[in-house]
């Protein structure tokens, strides 16, 4: 049930095919073999206003958050983070800030309803 969320500064759309990048990140998550393929959800959020240190919106970024239910070990999460970063660097090495963060979700608090 991982959620791959790609946040990015809107100005990179001129230089990066963000849809293709999201698809690559989705494939990296599938190829990790840590999840059922049907459980992986990926989406992107375009950011229009941001600040980095004392800079305004002139510093481009892409930040990947992967949220997953607890249960994977540190080695698995580190390998996945490295694979996601490699995919980012392959398509967007010129972007000033590329970051990846993997978060464990609290299974006891997670709620899900599917209606299909």
PDB file of N, CA and C in Angstrom:
ATOM      1  N   UNK A   1       0.793  -1.199   0.000  1.00  0.00           N
ATOM      2  CA  UNK A   1       0.000   0.000   0.000  1.00  0.00           C
ATOM      3  C   UNK A   1       0.831   1.256   0.000  1.00  0.00           C
ATOM      4  N   UNK A   2       1.959   1.250  -0.609  1.00  0.00           N
ATOM      5  CA  UNK A   2       2.749   2.474  -0.575  1.00  0.00           C
ATOM      6  C   UNK A   2       2.112   3.585  -1.400  1.00  0.00           C
ATOM      7  N   UNK A   3       2.354   4.797  -0.931  1.00  0.00           N
ATOM      8  CA  UNK A   3       1.962   5.995  -1.664  1.00  0.00           C
ATOM      9  C   UNK A   3       3.241   6.728  -2.043  1.00  0.00           C
ATOM     10  N   UNK A   4       3.470   6.874  -3.330  1.00  0.00           N
ATOM     11  CA  UNK A   4       4.612   7.638  -3.837  1.00  0.00           C
ATOM     12  C   UNK A   4       4.073   9.022  -4.193  1.00  0.00           C
ATOM     13  N   UNK A   5       4.578  10.032  -3.505  1.00  0.00           N
ATOM     14  CA  UNK A   5       4.119  11.404  -3.739  1.00  0.00           C
ATOM     15  C   UNK A   5       5.310  12.230  -4.211  1.00  0.00           C
ATOM     16  N   UNK A   6       5.205  12.754  -5.409  1.00  0.00           N
ATOM     17  CA  UNK A   6       6.254  13.590  -5.984  1.00  0.00           C
ATOM     18  C   UNK A   6       5.795  15.047  -5.935  1.00  0.00           C
ATOM     19  N   UNK A   7       6.467  15.851  -5.117  1.00  0.00           N
ATOM     20  CA  UNK A   7       6.221  17.292  -5.074  1.00  0.00           C
ATOM     21  C   UNK A   7       7.319  17.948  -5.900  1.00  0.00           C
ATOM     22  N   UNK A   8       6.949  18.963  -6.677  1.00  0.00           N
ATOM     23  CA  UNK A   8       7.964  19.590  -7.520  1.00  0.00           C
ATOM     24  C   UNK A   8       7.630  21.050  -7.771  1.00  0.00           C
ATOM     25  N   UNK A   9       8.683  21.832  -7.944  1.00  0.00           N
ATOM     26  CA  UNK A   9       8.506  23.249  -8.271  1.00  0.00           C
ATOM     27  C   UNK A   9       7.992  23.364  -9.705  1.00  0.00           C
ATOM     28  N   UNK A  10       7.002  24.211  -9.882  1.00  0.00           N
ATOM     29  CA  UNK A  10       6.332  24.293 -11.188  1.00  0.00           C
ATOM     30  C   UNK A  10       7.268  24.659 -12.325  1.00  0.00           C
ATOM     31  N   UNK A  11       8.349  25.354 -12.045  1.00  0.00           N
ATOM     32  CA  UNK A  11       9.254  25.797 -13.116  1.00  0.00           C
ATOM     33  C   UNK A  11      10.017  24.655 -13.780  1.00  0.00           C
ATOM     34  N   UNK A  12      10.073  23.481 -13.161  1.00  0.00           N
ATOM     35  CA  UNK A  12      10.823  22.393 -13.802  1.00  0.00           C
ATOM     36  C   UNK A  12      10.049  21.738 -14.936  1.00  0.00           C
ATOM     37  N   UNK A  13       8.749  22.008 -15.031  1.00  0.00           N
ATOM     38  CA  UNK A  13       7.963  21.391 -16.104  1.00  0.00           C
ATOM     39  C   UNK A  13       8.474  21.762 -17.490  1.00  0.00           C
ATOM     40  N   UNK A  14       9.198  22.856 -17.574  1.00  0.00           N
ATOM     41  CA  UNK A  14       9.771  23.281 -18.859  1.00  0.00           C
ATOM     42  C   UNK A  14      10.939  22.395 -19.273  1.00  0.00           C
ATOM     43  N   UNK A  15      11.541  21.699 -18.294  1.00  0.00           N
ATOM     44  CA  UNK A  15      12.756  20.926 -18.569  1.00  0.00           C
ATOM     45  C   UNK A  15      12.653  19.447 -18.242  1.00  0.00           C
ATOM     46  N   UNK A  16      11.598  19.057 -17.534  1.00  0.00           N
ATOM     47  CA  UNK A  16      11.433  17.659 -17.129  1.00  0.00           C
ATOM     48  C   UNK A  16      10.042  17.194 -17.537  1.00  0.00           C
ATOM     49  N   UNK A  17       9.961  16.011 -18.119  1.00  0.00           N
ATOM     50  CA  UNK A  17       8.671  15.404 -18.389  1.00  0.00           C
ATOM     51  C   UNK A  17       8.219  14.768 -17.072  1.00  0.00           C
ATOM     52  N   UNK A  18       7.421  15.524 -16.301  1.00  0.00           N
ATOM     53  CA  UNK A  18       7.067  15.077 -14.954  1.00  0.00           C
ATOM     54  C   UNK A  18       6.202  13.818 -14.969  1.00  0.00           C
ATOM     55  N   UNK A  19       5.367  13.656 -15.978  1.00  0.00           N
ATOM     56  CA  UNK A  19       4.557  12.435 -16.071  1.00  0.00           C
ATOM     57  C   UNK A  19       5.454  11.212 -16.267  1.00  0.00           C
ATOM     58  N   UNK A  20       6.428  11.322 -17.147  1.00  0.00           N
ATOM     59  CA  UNK A  20       7.356  10.209 -17.379  1.00  0.00           C
ATOM     60  C   UNK A  20       8.183   9.924 -16.128  1.00  0.00           C
ATOM     61  N   UNK A  21       8.581  10.965 -15.418  1.00  0.00           N
ATOM     62  CA  UNK A  21       9.331  10.770 -14.185  1.00  0.00           C
ATOM     63  C   UNK A  21       8.484  10.048 -13.149  1.00  0.00           C
ATOM     64  N   UNK A  22       7.223  10.447 -12.994  1.00  0.00           N
ATOM     65  CA  UNK A  22       6.333   9.761 -12.052  1.00  0.00           C
ATOM     66  C   UNK A  22       6.182   8.291 -12.429  1.00  0.00           C
ATOM     67  N   UNK A  23       6.043   8.018 -13.718  1.00  0.00           N
ATOM     68  CA  UNK A  23       5.935   6.633 -14.182  1.00  0.00           C
ATOM     69  C   UNK A  23       7.212   5.847 -13.856  1.00  0.00           C
ATOM     70  N   UNK A  24       8.367   6.467 -14.009  1.00  0.00           N
ATOM     71  CA  UNK A  24       9.629   5.812 -13.654  1.00  0.00           C
ATOM     72  C   UNK A  24       9.686   5.495 -12.165  1.00  0.00           C
ATOM     73  N   UNK A  25       9.286   6.444 -11.336  1.00  0.00           N
ATOM     74  CA  UNK A  25       9.286   6.233  -9.885  1.00  0.00           C
ATOM     75  C   UNK A  25       8.313   5.115  -9.498  1.00  0.00           C
ATOM     76  N   UNK A  26       7.185   5.075 -10.169  1.00  0.00           N
ATOM     77  CA  UNK A  26       6.196   4.025  -9.944  1.00  0.00           C
ATOM     78  C   UNK A  26       6.802   2.656 -10.282  1.00  0.00           C
ATOM     79  N   UNK A  27       7.510   2.587 -11.427  1.00  0.00           N
ATOM     80  CA  UNK A  27       8.152   1.330 -11.841  1.00  0.00           C
ATOM     81  C   UNK A  27       9.245   0.901 -10.865  1.00  0.00           C
ATOM     82  N   UNK A  28      10.016   1.856 -10.364  1.00  0.00           N
ATOM     83  CA  UNK A  28      11.048   1.539  -9.371  1.00  0.00           C
ATOM     84  C   UNK A  28      10.398   0.899  -8.145  1.00  0.00           C
ATOM     85  N   UNK A  29       9.278   1.440  -7.738  1.00  0.00           N
ATOM     86  CA  UNK A  29       8.573   0.905  -6.571  1.00  0.00           C
ATOM     87  C   UNK A  29       8.052  -0.495  -6.853  1.00  0.00           C
ATOM     88  N   UNK A  30       7.528  -0.715  -8.045  1.00  0.00           N
ATOM     89  CA  UNK A  30       7.074  -2.054  -8.440  1.00  0.00           C
ATOM     90  C   UNK A  30       8.252  -3.030  -8.435  1.00  0.00           C
ATOM     91  N   UNK A  31       9.363  -2.626  -9.028  1.00  0.00           N
ATOM     92  CA  UNK A  31      10.520  -3.508  -9.177  1.00  0.00           C
ATOM     93  C   UNK A  31      11.226  -3.810  -7.858  1.00  0.00           C
ATOM     94  N   UNK A  32      10.884  -3.087  -6.812  1.00  0.00           N
ATOM     95  CA  UNK A  32      11.484  -3.371  -5.497  1.00  0.00           C
ATOM     96  C   UNK A  32      11.021  -4.717  -4.948  1.00  0.00           C
ATOM     97  N   UNK A  33       9.904  -5.227  -5.457  1.00  0.00           N
ATOM     98  CA  UNK A  33       9.312  -6.484  -4.988  1.00  0.00           C
ATOM     99  C   UNK A  33       8.965  -6.456  -3.500  1.00  0.00           C
ATOM    100  N   UNK A  34       8.729  -5.279  -2.964  1.00  0.00           N
ATOM    101  CA  UNK A  34       8.346  -5.152  -1.559  1.00  0.00           C
ATOM    102  C   UNK A  34       6.839  -5.051  -1.372  1.00  0.00           C
ATOM    103  N   UNK A  35       6.109  -4.878  -2.483  1.00  0.00           N
ATOM    104  CA  UNK A  35       4.679  -4.595  -2.405  1.00  0.00           C
ATOM    105  C   UNK A  35       3.926  -5.355  -3.490  1.00  0.00           C
ATOM    106  N   UNK A  36       2.643  -5.539  -3.269  1.00  0.00           N
ATOM    107  CA  UNK A  36       1.770  -6.039  -4.331  1.00  0.00           C
ATOM    108  C   UNK A  36       1.596  -4.900  -5.341  1.00  0.00           C
ATOM    109  N   UNK A  37       1.735  -5.206  -6.605  1.00  0.00           N
ATOM    110  CA  UNK A  37       1.663  -4.170  -7.644  1.00  0.00           C
ATOM    111  C   UNK A  37       0.363  -3.376  -7.544  1.00  0.00           C
ATOM    112  N   UNK A  38      -0.738  -4.053  -7.305  1.00  0.00           N
ATOM    113  CA  UNK A  38      -2.042  -3.374  -7.256  1.00  0.00           C
ATOM    114  C   UNK A  38      -2.185  -2.432  -6.068  1.00  0.00           C
ATOM    115  N   UNK A  39      -1.286  -2.515  -5.098  1.00  0.00           N
ATOM    116  CA  UNK A  39      -1.361  -1.663  -3.909  1.00  0.00           C
ATOM    117  C   UNK A  39      -0.586  -0.355  -4.057  1.00  0.00           C
ATOM    118  N   UNK A  40       0.243  -0.232  -5.082  1.00  0.00           N
ATOM    119  CA  UNK A  40       1.107   0.937  -5.237  1.00  0.00           C
ATOM    120  C   UNK A  40       0.321   2.083  -5.869  1.00  0.00           C
ATOM    121  N   UNK A  41       0.378   3.234  -5.207  1.00  0.00           N
ATOM    122  CA  UNK A  41      -0.312   4.428  -5.698  1.00  0.00           C
ATOM    123  C   UNK A  41       0.713   5.547  -5.834  1.00  0.00           C
ATOM    124  N   UNK A  42       0.735   6.202  -6.979  1.00  0.00           N
ATOM    125  CA  UNK A  42       1.698   7.281  -7.216  1.00  0.00           C
ATOM    126  C   UNK A  42       0.966   8.513  -7.713  1.00  0.00           C
ATOM    127  N   UNK A  43       1.413   9.656  -7.236  1.00  0.00           N
ATOM    128  CA  UNK A  43       0.791  10.924  -7.656  1.00  0.00           C
ATOM    129  C   UNK A  43       1.807  12.040  -7.533  1.00  0.00           C
ATOM    130  N   UNK A  44       1.495  13.160  -8.187  1.00  0.00           N
ATOM    131  CA  UNK A  44       2.395  14.305  -8.112  1.00  0.00           C
ATOM    132  C   UNK A  44       1.615  15.546  -7.720  1.00  0.00           C
ATOM    133  N   UNK A  45       2.340  16.442  -7.071  1.00  0.00           N
ATOM    134  CA  UNK A  45       1.772  17.706  -6.624  1.00  0.00           C
ATOM    135  C   UNK A  45       2.682  18.824  -7.118  1.00  0.00           C
ATOM    136  N   UNK A  46       2.124  19.681  -7.929  1.00  0.00           N
ATOM    137  CA  UNK A  46       2.872  20.829  -8.467  1.00  0.00           C
ATOM    138  C   UNK A  46       2.812  21.956  -7.434  1.00  0.00           C
ATOM    139  N   UNK A  47       3.971  22.474  -7.071  1.00  0.00           N
ATOM    140  CA  UNK A  47       4.054  23.540  -6.074  1.00  0.00           C
ATOM    141  C   UNK A  47       4.294  24.873  -6.787  1.00  0.00           C
ATOM    142  N   UNK A  48       3.462  25.850  -6.490  1.00  0.00           N
ATOM    143  CA  UNK A  48       3.549  27.148  -7.154  1.00  0.00           C
ATOM    144  C   UNK A  48       4.327  28.178  -6.348  1.00  0.00           C
ATOM    145  N   UNK A  49       4.379  28.021  -5.041  1.00  0.00           N
ATOM    146  CA  UNK A  49       5.065  28.985  -4.178  1.00  0.00           C
ATOM    147  C   UNK A  49       5.877  28.224  -3.150  1.00  0.00           C
ATOM    148  N   UNK A  50       7.154  28.594  -2.977  1.00  0.00           N
ATOM    149  CA  UNK A  50       8.017  27.934  -2.011  1.00  0.00           C
ATOM    150  C   UNK A  50       9.166  28.855  -1.635  1.00  0.00           C
ATOM    151  N   UNK A  51       9.806  28.534  -0.548  1.00  0.00           N
ATOM    152  CA  UNK A  51      10.980  29.250  -0.071  1.00  0.00           C
ATOM    153  C   UNK A  51      12.036  28.224   0.297  1.00  0.00           C
ATOM    154  N   UNK A  52      13.280  28.516   0.003  1.00  0.00           N
ATOM    155  CA  UNK A  52      14.403  27.660   0.391  1.00  0.00           C
ATOM    156  C   UNK A  52      15.456  28.572   1.006  1.00  0.00           C
ATOM    157  N   UNK A  53      15.677  28.445   2.311  1.00  0.00           N
ATOM    158  CA  UNK A  53      16.634  29.314   2.986  1.00  0.00           C
ATOM    159  C   UNK A  53      16.269  30.768   2.781  1.00  0.00           C
ATOM    160  N   UNK A  54      17.205  31.564   2.299  1.00  0.00           N
ATOM    161  CA  UNK A  54      16.915  32.973   2.033  1.00  0.00           C
ATOM    162  C   UNK A  54      16.595  33.221   0.558  1.00  0.00           C
ATOM    163  N   UNK A  55      16.348  32.125  -0.173  1.00  0.00           N
ATOM    164  CA  UNK A  55      15.978  32.242  -1.579  1.00  0.00           C
ATOM    165  C   UNK A  55      14.466  32.172  -1.722  1.00  0.00           C
ATOM    166  N   UNK A  56      13.945  32.811  -2.747  1.00  0.00           N
ATOM    167  CA  UNK A  56      12.526  32.679  -3.015  1.00  0.00           C
ATOM    168  C   UNK A  56      12.318  31.478  -3.923  1.00  0.00           C
ATOM    169  N   UNK A  57      11.416  31.572  -4.837  1.00  0.00           N
ATOM    170  CA  UNK A  57      11.100  30.426  -5.691  1.00  0.00           C
ATOM    171  C   UNK A  57      12.059  30.261  -6.867  1.00  0.00           C
ATOM    172  N   UNK A  58      13.295  30.695  -6.696  1.00  0.00           N
ATOM    173  CA  UNK A  58      14.277  30.526  -7.762  1.00  0.00           C
ATOM    174  C   UNK A  58      15.034  29.200  -7.646  1.00  0.00           C
ATOM    175  N   UNK A  59      14.934  28.522  -6.522  1.00  0.00           N
ATOM    176  CA  UNK A  59      15.626  27.247  -6.312  1.00  0.00           C
ATOM    177  C   UNK A  59      14.660  26.109  -6.617  1.00  0.00           C
ATOM    178  N   UNK A  60      14.859  25.447  -7.759  1.00  0.00           N
ATOM    179  CA  UNK A  60      13.983  24.341  -8.152  1.00  0.00           C
ATOM    180  C   UNK A  60      14.200  23.121  -7.275  1.00  0.00           C
ATOM    181  N   UNK A  61      13.163  22.310  -7.133  1.00  0.00           N
ATOM    182  CA  UNK A  61      13.275  21.095  -6.333  1.00  0.00           C
ATOM    183  C   UNK A  61      12.312  20.020  -6.815  1.00  0.00           C
ATOM    184  N   UNK A  62      12.662  18.796  -6.475  1.00  0.00           N
ATOM    185  CA  UNK A  62      11.739  17.660  -6.550  1.00  0.00           C
ATOM    186  C   UNK A  62      11.931  16.904  -5.241  1.00  0.00           C
ATOM    187  N   UNK A  63      10.838  16.657  -4.553  1.00  0.00           N
ATOM    188  CA  UNK A  63      10.889  15.906  -3.300  1.00  0.00           C
ATOM    189  C   UNK A  63       9.952  14.713  -3.417  1.00  0.00           C
ATOM    190  N   UNK A  64      10.478  13.530  -3.141  1.00  0.00           N
ATOM    191  CA  UNK A  64       9.685  12.303  -3.171  1.00  0.00           C
ATOM    192  C   UNK A  64       9.448  11.857  -1.734  1.00  0.00           C
ATOM    193  N   UNK A  65       8.199  11.647  -1.404  1.00  0.00           N
ATOM    194  CA  UNK A  65       7.834  11.023  -0.138  1.00  0.00           C
ATOM    195  C   UNK A  65       7.201   9.688  -0.469  1.00  0.00           C
ATOM    196  N   UNK A  66       7.692   8.639   0.148  1.00  0.00           N
ATOM    197  CA  UNK A  66       7.087   7.325  -0.012  1.00  0.00           C
ATOM    198  C   UNK A  66       6.569   6.908   1.361  1.00  0.00           C
ATOM    199  N   UNK A  67       5.255   6.831   1.473  1.00  0.00           N
ATOM    200  CA  UNK A  67       4.631   6.428   2.729  1.00  0.00           C
ATOM    201  C   UNK A  67       4.210   4.974   2.609  1.00  0.00           C
ATOM    202  N   UNK A  68       4.568   4.182   3.610  1.00  0.00           N
ATOM    203  CA  UNK A  68       4.227   2.768   3.568  1.00  0.00           C
ATOM    204  C   UNK A  68       3.893   2.283   4.968  1.00  0.00           C
ATOM    205  N   UNK A  69       3.094   1.250   5.011  1.00  0.00           N
ATOM    206  CA  UNK A  69       2.784   0.651   6.302  1.00  0.00           C
ATOM    207  C   UNK A  69       4.048   0.049   6.879  1.00  0.00           C
ATOM    208  N   UNK A  70       4.227   0.201   8.171  1.00  0.00           N
ATOM    209  CA  UNK A  70       5.417  -0.310   8.840  1.00  0.00           C
ATOM    210  C   UNK A  70       5.571  -1.801   8.588  1.00  0.00           C
ATOM    211  N   UNK A  71       6.812  -2.255   8.631  1.00  0.00           N
ATOM    212  CA  UNK A  71       7.059  -3.682   8.446  1.00  0.00           C
ATOM    213  C   UNK A  71       8.259  -3.994   7.578  1.00  0.00           C
ATOM    214  N   UNK A  72       8.780  -2.992   6.855  1.00  0.00           N
ATOM    215  CA  UNK A  72       9.991  -3.225   6.059  1.00  0.00           C
ATOM    216  C   UNK A  72      11.197  -2.849   6.912  1.00  0.00           C
ATOM    217  N   UNK A  73      12.295  -3.568   6.710  1.00  0.00           N
ATOM    218  CA  UNK A  73      13.483  -3.271   7.503  1.00  0.00           C
ATOM    219  C   UNK A  73      14.251  -2.094   6.903  1.00  0.00           C
ATOM    220  N   UNK A  74      15.228  -1.606   7.651  1.00  0.00           N
ATOM    221  CA  UNK A  74      16.007  -0.443   7.228  1.00  0.00           C
ATOM    222  C   UNK A  74      16.749  -0.693   5.918  1.00  0.00           C
ATOM    223  N   UNK A  75      17.265  -1.882   5.749  1.00  0.00           N
ATOM    224  CA  UNK A  75      17.992  -2.214   4.523  1.00  0.00           C
ATOM    225  C   UNK A  75      17.074  -2.115   3.305  1.00  0.00           C
ATOM    226  N   UNK A  76      15.866  -2.638   3.424  1.00  0.00           N
ATOM    227  CA  UNK A  76      14.904  -2.574   2.319  1.00  0.00           C
ATOM    228  C   UNK A  76      14.530  -1.126   2.008  1.00  0.00           C
ATOM    229  N   UNK A  77      14.285  -0.343   3.039  1.00  0.00           N
ATOM    230  CA  UNK A  77      13.900   1.059   2.833  1.00  0.00           C
ATOM    231  C   UNK A  77      15.055   1.872   2.252  1.00  0.00           C
ATOM    232  N   UNK A  78      16.268   1.624   2.718  1.00  0.00           N
ATOM    233  CA  UNK A  78      17.430   2.329   2.172  1.00  0.00           C
ATOM    234  C   UNK A  78      17.649   1.976   0.701  1.00  0.00           C
ATOM    235  N   UNK A  79      17.510   0.714   0.351  1.00  0.00           N
ATOM    236  CA  UNK A  79      17.674   0.299  -1.051  1.00  0.00           C
ATOM    237  C   UNK A  79      16.613   0.959  -1.932  1.00  0.00           C
ATOM    238  N   UNK A  80      15.387   1.019  -1.441  1.00  0.00           N
ATOM    239  CA  UNK A  80      14.317   1.652  -2.198  1.00  0.00           C
ATOM    240  C   UNK A  80      14.581   3.149  -2.350  1.00  0.00           C
ATOM    241  N   UNK A  81      15.017   3.810  -1.287  1.00  0.00           N
ATOM    242  CA  UNK A  81      15.329   5.240  -1.355  1.00  0.00           C
ATOM    243  C   UNK A  81      16.440   5.498  -2.368  1.00  0.00           C
ATOM    244  N   UNK A  82      17.465   4.663  -2.376  1.00  0.00           N
ATOM    245  CA  UNK A  82      18.561   4.820  -3.338  1.00  0.00           C
ATOM    246  C   UNK A  82      18.083   4.613  -4.766  1.00  0.00           C
ATOM    247  N   UNK A  83      17.203   3.638  -4.980  1.00  0.00           N
ATOM    248  CA  UNK A  83      16.669   3.398  -6.325  1.00  0.00           C
ATOM    249  C   UNK A  83      15.814   4.563  -6.798  1.00  0.00           C
ATOM    250  N   UNK A  84      15.008   5.117  -5.908  1.00  0.00           N
ATOM    251  CA  UNK A  84      14.196   6.282  -6.271  1.00  0.00           C
ATOM    252  C   UNK A  84      15.094   7.475  -6.604  1.00  0.00           C
ATOM    253  N   UNK A  85      16.141   7.668  -5.812  1.00  0.00           N
ATOM    254  CA  UNK A  85      17.056   8.786  -6.077  1.00  0.00           C
ATOM    255  C   UNK A  85      17.776   8.601  -7.412  1.00  0.00           C
ATOM    256  N   UNK A  86      18.157   7.383  -7.732  1.00  0.00           N
ATOM    257  CA  UNK A  86      18.804   7.124  -9.024  1.00  0.00           C
ATOM    258  C   UNK A  86      17.882   7.486 -10.174  1.00  0.00           C
ATOM    259  N   UNK A  87      16.610   7.126 -10.062  1.00  0.00           N
ATOM    260  CA  UNK A  87      15.635   7.471 -11.106  1.00  0.00           C
ATOM    261  C   UNK A  87      15.472   8.982 -11.216  1.00  0.00           C
ATOM    262  N   UNK A  88      15.469   9.666 -10.082  1.00  0.00           N
ATOM    263  CA  UNK A  88      15.389  11.134 -10.086  1.00  0.00           C
ATOM    264  C   UNK A  88      16.595  11.743 -10.787  1.00  0.00           C
ATOM    265  N   UNK A  89      17.773  11.293 -10.414  1.00  0.00           N
ATOM    266  CA  UNK A  89      18.991  11.856 -10.994  1.00  0.00           C
ATOM    267  C   UNK A  89      19.092  11.598 -12.487  1.00  0.00           C
ATOM    268  N   UNK A  90      18.577  10.462 -12.915  1.00  0.00           N
ATOM    269  CA  UNK A  90      18.629  10.115 -14.336  1.00  0.00           C
ATOM    270  C   UNK A  90      17.854  11.115 -15.186  1.00  0.00           C
ATOM    271  N   UNK A  91      16.706  11.578 -14.692  1.00  0.00           N
ATOM    272  CA  UNK A  91      15.840  12.460 -15.474  1.00  0.00           C
ATOM    273  C   UNK A  91      15.963  13.935 -15.102  1.00  0.00           C
ATOM    274  N   UNK A  92      16.510  14.219 -13.903  1.00  0.00           N
ATOM    275  CA  UNK A  92      16.456  15.598 -13.421  1.00  0.00           C
ATOM    276  C   UNK A  92      17.729  16.003 -12.687  1.00  0.00           C
ATOM    277  N   UNK A  93      18.877  15.585 -13.204  1.00  0.00           N
ATOM    278  CA  UNK A  93      20.137  15.857 -12.508  1.00  0.00           C
ATOM    279  C   UNK A  93      20.442  17.350 -12.378  1.00  0.00           C
ATOM    280  N   UNK A  94      19.865  18.166 -13.228  1.00  0.00           N
ATOM    281  CA  UNK A  94      20.115  19.602 -13.224  1.00  0.00           C
ATOM    282  C   UNK A  94      19.259  20.355 -12.205  1.00  0.00           C
ATOM    283  N   UNK A  95      18.271  19.692 -11.610  1.00  0.00           N
ATOM    284  CA  UNK A  95      17.409  20.333 -10.620  1.00  0.00           C
ATOM    285  C   UNK A  95      18.230  20.563  -9.352  1.00  0.00           C
ATOM    286  N   UNK A  96      18.122  21.748  -8.792  1.00  0.00           N
ATOM    287  CA  UNK A  96      18.976  22.147  -7.678  1.00  0.00           C
ATOM    288  C   UNK A  96      18.857  21.246  -6.451  1.00  0.00           C
ATOM    289  N   UNK A  97      17.644  20.822  -6.107  1.00  0.00           N
ATOM    290  CA  UNK A  97      17.460  20.007  -4.907  1.00  0.00           C
ATOM    291  C   UNK A  97      16.599  18.785  -5.228  1.00  0.00           C
ATOM    292  N   UNK A  98      17.177  17.608  -5.046  1.00  0.00           N
ATOM    293  CA  UNK A  98      16.463  16.340  -5.210  1.00  0.00           C
ATOM    294  C   UNK A  98      16.501  15.639  -3.868  1.00  0.00           C
ATOM    295  N   UNK A  99      15.341  15.271  -3.339  1.00  0.00           N
ATOM    296  CA  UNK A  99      15.287  14.605  -2.038  1.00  0.00           C
ATOM    297  C   UNK A  99      14.287  13.463  -2.057  1.00  0.00           C
ATOM    298  N   UNK A 100      14.567  12.464  -1.220  1.00  0.00           N
ATOM    299  CA  UNK A 100      13.693  11.299  -1.054  1.00  0.00           C
ATOM    300  C   UNK A 100      13.543  11.052   0.440  1.00  0.00           C
ATOM    301  N   UNK A 101      12.327  10.802   0.876  1.00  0.00           N
ATOM    302  CA  UNK A 101      12.070  10.455   2.265  1.00  0.00           C
ATOM    303  C   UNK A 101      11.074   9.306   2.313  1.00  0.00           C
ATOM    304  N   UNK A 102      11.409   8.285   3.067  1.00  0.00           N
ATOM    305  CA  UNK A 102      10.497   7.151   3.243  1.00  0.00           C
ATOM    306  C   UNK A 102       9.970   7.203   4.666  1.00  0.00           C
ATOM    307  N   UNK A 103       8.650   7.135   4.791  1.00  0.00           N
ATOM    308  CA  UNK A 103       7.991   7.223   6.092  1.00  0.00           C
ATOM    309  C   UNK A 103       7.168   5.983   6.366  1.00  0.00           C
ATOM    310  N   UNK A 104       7.308   5.461   7.573  1.00  0.00           N
ATOM    311  CA  UNK A 104       6.432   4.382   8.023  1.00  0.00           C
ATOM    312  C   UNK A 104       5.129   4.984   8.537  1.00  0.00           C
ATOM    313  N   UNK A 105       4.023   4.401   8.120  1.00  0.00           N
ATOM    314  CA  UNK A 105       2.714   4.814   8.606  1.00  0.00           C
ATOM    315  C   UNK A 105       2.343   3.899   9.774  1.00  0.00           C
ATOM    316  N   UNK A 106       1.625   4.438  10.716  1.00  0.00           N
ATOM    317  CA  UNK A 106       1.173   3.674  11.878  1.00  0.00           C
ATOM    318  C   UNK A 106      -0.010   2.804  11.465  1.00  0.00           C
ATOM    319  N   UNK A 107       0.211   1.504  11.429  1.00  0.00           N
ATOM    320  CA  UNK A 107      -0.817   0.562  10.988  1.00  0.00           C
ATOM    321  C   UNK A 107      -2.094   0.668  11.817  1.00  0.00           C
ATOM    322  N   UNK A 108      -1.963   0.947  13.103  1.00  0.00           N
ATOM    323  CA  UNK A 108      -3.135   0.993  13.967  1.00  0.00           C
ATOM    324  C   UNK A 108      -4.014   2.207  13.688  1.00  0.00           C
ATOM    325  N   UNK A 109      -3.466   3.251  13.060  1.00  0.00           N
ATOM    326  CA  UNK A 109      -4.226   4.461  12.775  1.00  0.00           C
ATOM    327  C   UNK A 109      -4.633   4.572  11.318  1.00  0.00           C
ATOM    328  N   UNK A 110      -4.098   3.747  10.445  1.00  0.00           N
ATOM    329  CA  UNK A 110      -4.406   3.836   9.033  1.00  0.00           C
ATOM    330  C   UNK A 110      -5.805   3.289   8.757  1.00  0.00           C
ATOM    331  N   UNK A 111      -6.580   4.034   8.001  1.00  0.00           N
ATOM    332  CA  UNK A 111      -7.932   3.635   7.623  1.00  0.00           C
ATOM    333  C   UNK A 111      -8.026   3.590   6.106  1.00  0.00           C
ATOM    334  N   UNK A 112      -8.745   2.602   5.589  1.00  0.00           N
ATOM    335  CA  UNK A 112      -8.894   2.482   4.142  1.00  0.00           C
ATOM    336  C   UNK A 112     -10.253   1.899   3.816  1.00  0.00           C
ATOM    337  N   UNK A 113     -10.892   2.474   2.809  1.00  0.00           N
ATOM    338  CA  UNK A 113     -12.145   1.959   2.281  1.00  0.00           C
ATOM    339  C   UNK A 113     -12.008   1.893   0.779  1.00  0.00           C
ATOM    340  N   UNK A 114     -12.314   0.755   0.185  1.00  0.00           N
ATOM    341  CA  UNK A 114     -12.338   0.644  -1.269  1.00  0.00           C
ATOM    342  C   UNK A 114     -13.751   0.259  -1.688  1.00  0.00           C
ATOM    343  N   UNK A 115     -14.219   0.906  -2.732  1.00  0.00           N
ATOM    344  CA  UNK A 115     -15.595   0.694  -3.202  1.00  0.00           C
ATOM    345  C   UNK A 115     -15.602   0.256  -4.645  1.00  0.00           C
ATOM    346  N   UNK A 116     -15.016  -0.891  -4.915  1.00  0.00           N
ATOM    347  CA  UNK A 116     -15.094  -1.436  -6.282  1.00  0.00           C
ATOM    348  C   UNK A 116     -15.151  -2.917  -6.252  1.00  0.00           C
TER     349      UNK A 116
END
